[in-house]
Amino acid sequence: CYLEIPYDLQTAEVDAPDAPLYLGRPSATPRLQDAVASVAKLIEQAKTRSVVVGHLAQREGQLDTLLGLIKTLGAVCATTFSCKHGTFEDLDHSVGIYSGLMSRASAKDAVEGADVVITA
């Protein structure tokens, strides 16, 4: 699991809590299975799909897994600047680097116009 927190929040000084933080209860297996089934259905029913590959995929050693997913889905593929990687840029459906408003129009349209966007 990876959580991105802006640097200004990481370094902000705050008062210590008076008691342990309640983080809720862990997911129950049936709810997790329902969530996975819902996501699979969304992906299956989508007419267009895109995958945005970021640096965590490389850090976690999941590049080959994502490559297989992209090929299986026939998805448009984009990378973030921090994961610019020849493996993905050489794909037929590659649109290059995606950086939101800073993206080329073709990359922005392909990613943001997809029925389903998977970020990894």
N, C-alpha and C. Protein backbone atom coordinates (compact mmCIF):
# COMPACT_ATOMS: atom_id res chain seq x y z
N CYS A 1 0.84 -1.17 0.00
CA CYS A 1 0.00 0.00 0.00
C CYS A 1 0.89 1.24 0.00
N TYR A 2 0.47 2.24 -0.68
CA TYR A 2 1.25 3.47 -0.78
C TYR A 2 0.31 4.64 -0.64
N LEU A 3 0.66 5.59 0.17
CA LEU A 3 -0.17 6.76 0.39
C LEU A 3 0.67 7.99 0.09
N GLU A 4 0.21 8.80 -0.84
CA GLU A 4 0.92 10.03 -1.17
C GLU A 4 0.39 11.15 -0.30
N ILE A 5 1.31 11.83 0.40
CA ILE A 5 0.95 12.94 1.26
C ILE A 5 1.82 14.13 0.85
N PRO A 6 1.20 15.27 0.55
CA PRO A 6 1.98 16.44 0.16
C PRO A 6 3.03 16.79 1.22
N TYR A 7 4.17 17.26 0.75
CA TYR A 7 5.30 17.53 1.65
C TYR A 7 4.95 18.53 2.75
N ASP A 8 4.15 19.56 2.43
CA ASP A 8 3.80 20.54 3.46
C ASP A 8 2.99 19.91 4.59
N LEU A 9 2.19 18.89 4.27
CA LEU A 9 1.46 18.18 5.32
C LEU A 9 2.37 17.23 6.09
N GLN A 10 3.36 16.65 5.40
CA GLN A 10 4.29 15.75 6.07
C GLN A 10 5.10 16.48 7.13
N THR A 11 5.42 17.72 6.87
CA THR A 11 6.30 18.47 7.78
C THR A 11 5.55 19.41 8.73
N ALA A 12 4.22 19.44 8.62
CA ALA A 12 3.43 20.33 9.48
C ALA A 12 3.48 19.84 10.93
N GLU A 13 3.57 20.78 11.86
CA GLU A 13 3.55 20.43 13.27
C GLU A 13 2.11 20.40 13.75
N VAL A 14 1.77 19.33 14.47
CA VAL A 14 0.41 19.18 15.00
C VAL A 14 0.49 18.74 16.45
N ASP A 15 -0.60 18.95 17.18
CA ASP A 15 -0.67 18.50 18.56
C ASP A 15 -0.80 16.98 18.58
N ALA A 16 -0.16 16.34 19.54
CA ALA A 16 -0.27 14.89 19.69
C ALA A 16 -1.68 14.54 20.15
N PRO A 17 -2.24 13.43 19.67
CA PRO A 17 -3.59 13.04 20.11
C PRO A 17 -3.58 12.60 21.57
N ASP A 18 -4.73 12.73 22.23
CA ASP A 18 -4.87 12.33 23.63
C ASP A 18 -5.06 10.83 23.79
N ALA A 19 -5.51 10.17 22.72
CA ALA A 19 -5.79 8.73 22.77
C ALA A 19 -5.39 8.11 21.42
N PRO A 20 -5.27 6.79 21.39
CA PRO A 20 -4.94 6.14 20.11
C PRO A 20 -5.99 6.47 19.05
N LEU A 21 -5.55 6.60 17.82
CA LEU A 21 -6.46 6.88 16.72
C LEU A 21 -7.26 5.64 16.36
N TYR A 22 -8.55 5.82 16.15
CA TYR A 22 -9.40 4.71 15.71
C TYR A 22 -9.33 4.67 14.19
N LEU A 23 -8.84 3.58 13.63
CA LEU A 23 -8.68 3.46 12.19
C LEU A 23 -9.76 2.61 11.56
N GLY A 24 -10.79 2.30 12.28
CA GLY A 24 -11.87 1.50 11.74
C GLY A 24 -11.53 0.02 11.78
N ARG A 25 -12.46 -0.77 11.37
CA ARG A 25 -12.20 -2.20 11.39
C ARG A 25 -11.69 -2.65 10.03
N PRO A 26 -10.93 -3.71 10.00
CA PRO A 26 -10.40 -4.19 8.71
C PRO A 26 -11.51 -4.72 7.82
N SER A 27 -11.24 -4.74 6.53
CA SER A 27 -12.22 -5.24 5.58
C SER A 27 -12.51 -6.71 5.83
N ALA A 28 -13.77 -7.05 5.74
CA ALA A 28 -14.18 -8.45 5.85
C ALA A 28 -14.01 -9.09 4.46
N THR A 29 -13.68 -10.35 4.44
CA THR A 29 -13.45 -11.06 3.19
C THR A 29 -14.63 -10.95 2.22
N PRO A 30 -15.88 -11.14 2.67
CA PRO A 30 -16.99 -11.02 1.72
C PRO A 30 -17.07 -9.63 1.08
N ARG A 31 -16.82 -8.59 1.86
CA ARG A 31 -16.87 -7.23 1.30
C ARG A 31 -15.73 -7.01 0.31
N LEU A 32 -14.57 -7.54 0.61
CA LEU A 32 -13.45 -7.44 -0.30
C LEU A 32 -13.76 -8.17 -1.60
N GLN A 33 -14.33 -9.36 -1.50
CA GLN A 33 -14.71 -10.12 -2.69
C GLN A 33 -15.76 -9.38 -3.51
N ASP A 34 -16.71 -8.75 -2.85
CA ASP A 34 -17.72 -7.96 -3.56
C ASP A 34 -17.08 -6.77 -4.28
N ALA A 35 -16.14 -6.13 -3.62
CA ALA A 35 -15.46 -4.98 -4.24
C ALA A 35 -14.68 -5.42 -5.47
N VAL A 36 -13.95 -6.52 -5.36
CA VAL A 36 -13.18 -7.03 -6.49
C VAL A 36 -14.11 -7.40 -7.65
N ALA A 37 -15.23 -8.03 -7.34
CA ALA A 37 -16.21 -8.39 -8.38
C ALA A 37 -16.78 -7.15 -9.05
N SER A 38 -17.04 -6.11 -8.29
CA SER A 38 -17.57 -4.86 -8.85
C SER A 38 -16.57 -4.20 -9.79
N VAL A 39 -15.31 -4.18 -9.38
CA VAL A 39 -14.27 -3.59 -10.21
C VAL A 39 -14.09 -4.40 -11.49
N ALA A 40 -14.08 -5.72 -11.37
CA ALA A 40 -13.94 -6.58 -12.55
C ALA A 40 -15.09 -6.34 -13.53
N LYS A 41 -16.29 -6.15 -13.02
CA LYS A 41 -17.45 -5.90 -13.87
C LYS A 41 -17.31 -4.56 -14.60
N LEU A 42 -16.85 -3.53 -13.88
CA LEU A 42 -16.64 -2.23 -14.51
C LEU A 42 -15.63 -2.32 -15.65
N ILE A 43 -14.53 -3.02 -15.40
CA ILE A 43 -13.50 -3.16 -16.42
C ILE A 43 -14.03 -3.95 -17.61
N GLU A 44 -14.75 -5.01 -17.33
CA GLU A 44 -15.29 -5.86 -18.40
C GLU A 44 -16.29 -5.11 -19.26
N GLN A 45 -17.13 -4.28 -18.66
CA GLN A 45 -18.17 -3.57 -19.40
C GLN A 45 -17.67 -2.31 -20.11
N ALA A 46 -16.50 -1.84 -19.75
CA ALA A 46 -15.97 -0.62 -20.36
C ALA A 46 -15.65 -0.85 -21.84
N LYS A 47 -16.01 0.13 -22.64
CA LYS A 47 -15.68 0.06 -24.06
C LYS A 47 -14.24 0.51 -24.30
N THR A 48 -13.78 1.46 -23.50
CA THR A 48 -12.40 1.93 -23.60
C THR A 48 -11.76 1.90 -22.23
N ARG A 49 -10.49 1.53 -22.20
CA ARG A 49 -9.75 1.42 -20.94
C ARG A 49 -8.38 2.06 -21.12
N SER A 50 -7.89 2.66 -20.07
CA SER A 50 -6.52 3.17 -20.10
C SER A 50 -5.82 2.78 -18.80
N VAL A 51 -4.51 2.61 -18.90
CA VAL A 51 -3.69 2.29 -17.73
C VAL A 51 -2.59 3.34 -17.66
N VAL A 52 -2.47 3.99 -16.51
CA VAL A 52 -1.39 4.95 -16.28
C VAL A 52 -0.41 4.29 -15.33
N VAL A 53 0.79 4.06 -15.82
CA VAL A 53 1.82 3.35 -15.05
C VAL A 53 2.73 4.36 -14.37
N GLY A 54 2.85 4.24 -13.04
CA GLY A 54 3.70 5.14 -12.27
C GLY A 54 4.90 4.43 -11.67
N HIS A 55 5.68 5.18 -10.92
CA HIS A 55 6.93 4.66 -10.37
C HIS A 55 6.74 3.51 -9.38
N LEU A 56 5.58 3.43 -8.75
CA LEU A 56 5.37 2.36 -7.78
C LEU A 56 5.32 0.99 -8.44
N ALA A 57 4.85 0.94 -9.67
CA ALA A 57 4.82 -0.34 -10.39
C ALA A 57 6.23 -0.88 -10.55
N GLN A 58 7.15 0.01 -10.84
CA GLN A 58 8.54 -0.40 -10.98
C GLN A 58 9.13 -0.76 -9.62
N ARG A 59 8.87 0.07 -8.63
CA ARG A 59 9.42 -0.17 -7.29
C ARG A 59 8.94 -1.49 -6.71
N GLU A 60 7.69 -1.84 -6.99
CA GLU A 60 7.12 -3.07 -6.45
C GLU A 60 7.34 -4.28 -7.36
N GLY A 61 8.08 -4.09 -8.46
CA GLY A 61 8.40 -5.21 -9.35
C GLY A 61 7.21 -5.73 -10.13
N GLN A 62 6.28 -4.84 -10.49
CA GLN A 62 5.05 -5.25 -11.16
C GLN A 62 4.98 -4.86 -12.63
N LEU A 63 6.10 -4.51 -13.23
CA LEU A 63 6.07 -4.07 -14.63
C LEU A 63 5.57 -5.17 -15.56
N ASP A 64 6.05 -6.39 -15.38
CA ASP A 64 5.61 -7.50 -16.25
C ASP A 64 4.12 -7.79 -16.06
N THR A 65 3.64 -7.72 -14.82
CA THR A 65 2.22 -7.95 -14.55
C THR A 65 1.38 -6.90 -15.26
N LEU A 66 1.79 -5.64 -15.17
CA LEU A 66 1.04 -4.56 -15.82
C LEU A 66 1.10 -4.68 -17.33
N LEU A 67 2.23 -5.08 -17.85
CA LEU A 67 2.36 -5.27 -19.29
C LEU A 67 1.36 -6.33 -19.77
N GLY A 68 1.24 -7.42 -19.02
CA GLY A 68 0.26 -8.45 -19.34
C GLY A 68 -1.16 -7.94 -19.26
N LEU A 69 -1.46 -7.15 -18.23
CA LEU A 69 -2.80 -6.59 -18.06
C LEU A 69 -3.15 -5.67 -19.23
N ILE A 70 -2.23 -4.81 -19.58
CA ILE A 70 -2.46 -3.86 -20.68
C ILE A 70 -2.73 -4.61 -21.99
N LYS A 71 -1.94 -5.63 -22.25
CA LYS A 71 -2.12 -6.40 -23.48
C LYS A 71 -3.44 -7.17 -23.45
N THR A 72 -3.78 -7.77 -22.31
CA THR A 72 -5.03 -8.53 -22.19
C THR A 72 -6.25 -7.64 -22.39
N LEU A 73 -6.21 -6.44 -21.81
CA LEU A 73 -7.34 -5.53 -21.90
C LEU A 73 -7.37 -4.77 -23.22
N GLY A 74 -6.25 -4.74 -23.93
CA GLY A 74 -6.16 -3.91 -25.12
C GLY A 74 -6.27 -2.44 -24.75
N ALA A 75 -5.73 -2.11 -23.58
CA ALA A 75 -5.87 -0.76 -23.03
C ALA A 75 -4.85 0.20 -23.61
N VAL A 76 -5.24 1.46 -23.65
CA VAL A 76 -4.31 2.54 -23.94
C VAL A 76 -3.36 2.62 -22.75
N CYS A 77 -2.10 2.88 -23.01
CA CYS A 77 -1.12 2.93 -21.93
C CYS A 77 -0.41 4.28 -21.92
N ALA A 78 -0.28 4.83 -20.74
CA ALA A 78 0.49 6.05 -20.52
C ALA A 78 1.38 5.81 -19.31
N THR A 79 2.46 6.56 -19.24
CA THR A 79 3.31 6.49 -18.06
C THR A 79 3.38 7.88 -17.43
N THR A 80 3.68 7.89 -16.14
CA THR A 80 3.97 9.17 -15.50
C THR A 80 5.41 9.50 -15.83
N PHE A 81 5.80 10.76 -15.64
CA PHE A 81 7.16 11.15 -15.96
C PHE A 81 8.17 10.34 -15.15
N SER A 82 7.83 10.04 -13.89
CA SER A 82 8.76 9.32 -13.03
C SER A 82 8.88 7.84 -13.38
N CYS A 83 8.03 7.35 -14.28
CA CYS A 83 8.11 5.95 -14.70
C CYS A 83 8.25 5.84 -16.21
N LYS A 84 8.84 6.86 -16.82
CA LYS A 84 9.08 6.81 -18.27
C LYS A 84 9.91 5.56 -18.53
N HIS A 85 9.34 4.62 -19.27
CA HIS A 85 9.95 3.31 -19.40
C HIS A 85 9.72 2.78 -20.80
N GLY A 86 10.78 2.38 -21.48
CA GLY A 86 10.69 1.90 -22.85
C GLY A 86 9.75 0.73 -23.03
N THR A 87 9.61 -0.10 -22.00
CA THR A 87 8.72 -1.26 -22.09
C THR A 87 7.31 -0.83 -22.48
N PHE A 88 6.85 0.25 -21.91
CA PHE A 88 5.49 0.71 -22.16
C PHE A 88 5.40 1.64 -23.36
N GLU A 89 6.41 2.43 -23.58
CA GLU A 89 6.39 3.38 -24.69
C GLU A 89 6.47 2.67 -26.04
N ASP A 90 6.95 1.44 -26.06
CA ASP A 90 7.04 0.69 -27.31
C ASP A 90 5.75 -0.04 -27.66
N LEU A 91 4.75 -0.01 -26.79
CA LEU A 91 3.48 -0.69 -27.06
C LEU A 91 2.72 0.04 -28.17
N ASP A 92 1.95 -0.72 -28.92
CA ASP A 92 1.14 -0.12 -29.98
C ASP A 92 0.15 0.91 -29.46
N HIS A 93 -0.37 0.69 -28.26
CA HIS A 93 -1.39 1.58 -27.70
C HIS A 93 -0.81 2.63 -26.76
N SER A 94 0.50 2.85 -26.80
CA SER A 94 1.12 3.83 -25.92
C SER A 94 0.80 5.25 -26.38
N VAL A 95 0.47 6.11 -25.43
CA VAL A 95 0.24 7.52 -25.74
C VAL A 95 1.30 8.40 -25.11
N GLY A 96 2.34 7.80 -24.53
CA GLY A 96 3.44 8.57 -23.94
C GLY A 96 3.19 8.93 -22.50
N ILE A 97 3.73 10.07 -22.11
CA ILE A 97 3.65 10.51 -20.72
C ILE A 97 2.33 11.22 -20.46
N TYR A 98 1.71 10.87 -19.32
CA TYR A 98 0.49 11.55 -18.89
C TYR A 98 0.80 12.34 -17.62
N SER A 99 0.53 13.65 -17.69
CA SER A 99 0.74 14.53 -16.53
C SER A 99 -0.40 15.53 -16.41
N GLY A 100 -1.63 15.05 -16.52
CA GLY A 100 -2.78 15.93 -16.39
C GLY A 100 -2.76 17.04 -17.42
N LEU A 101 -2.94 18.27 -16.98
CA LEU A 101 -2.99 19.41 -17.90
C LEU A 101 -1.68 19.63 -18.65
N MET A 102 -0.59 19.11 -18.14
CA MET A 102 0.72 19.27 -18.78
C MET A 102 0.93 18.26 -19.91
N SER A 103 -0.01 17.35 -20.10
CA SER A 103 0.12 16.29 -21.10
C SER A 103 -0.15 16.83 -22.50
N ARG A 104 0.41 16.11 -23.48
CA ARG A 104 0.02 16.39 -24.87
C ARG A 104 -1.48 16.13 -24.96
N ALA A 105 -2.14 16.82 -25.85
CA ALA A 105 -3.59 16.68 -25.99
C ALA A 105 -3.99 15.24 -26.29
N SER A 106 -3.20 14.56 -27.13
CA SER A 106 -3.56 13.18 -27.48
C SER A 106 -3.48 12.24 -26.28
N ALA A 107 -2.47 12.43 -25.43
CA ALA A 107 -2.34 11.60 -24.22
C ALA A 107 -3.45 11.93 -23.23
N LYS A 108 -3.70 13.22 -23.04
CA LYS A 108 -4.75 13.65 -22.11
C LYS A 108 -6.11 13.11 -22.54
N ASP A 109 -6.42 13.24 -23.81
CA ASP A 109 -7.71 12.77 -24.32
C ASP A 109 -7.85 11.26 -24.19
N ALA A 110 -6.77 10.53 -24.51
CA ALA A 110 -6.83 9.06 -24.45
C ALA A 110 -7.04 8.56 -23.03
N VAL A 111 -6.36 9.18 -22.06
CA VAL A 111 -6.49 8.74 -20.67
C VAL A 111 -7.82 9.22 -20.09
N GLU A 112 -8.07 10.49 -20.17
CA GLU A 112 -9.25 11.06 -19.52
C GLU A 112 -10.55 10.72 -20.25
N GLY A 113 -10.47 10.32 -21.51
CA GLY A 113 -11.65 9.98 -22.25
C GLY A 113 -12.05 8.51 -22.14
N ALA A 114 -11.22 7.70 -21.48
CA ALA A 114 -11.52 6.28 -21.33
C ALA A 114 -12.67 6.06 -20.36
N ASP A 115 -13.42 4.99 -20.58
CA ASP A 115 -14.50 4.63 -19.66
C ASP A 115 -13.95 4.24 -18.30
N VAL A 116 -12.79 3.60 -18.29
CA VAL A 116 -12.14 3.16 -17.06
C VAL A 116 -10.66 3.52 -17.13
N VAL A 117 -10.15 4.14 -16.07
CA VAL A 117 -8.73 4.46 -15.97
C VAL A 117 -8.16 3.69 -14.78
N ILE A 118 -7.14 2.90 -15.04
CA ILE A 118 -6.46 2.15 -13.98
C ILE A 118 -5.12 2.82 -13.74
N THR A 119 -4.86 3.22 -12.52
CA THR A 119 -3.57 3.80 -12.19
C THR A 119 -2.77 2.81 -11.39
N ALA A 120 -1.54 2.66 -11.76
CA ALA A 120 -0.70 1.66 -11.10
C ALA A 120 0.69 2.22 -10.85
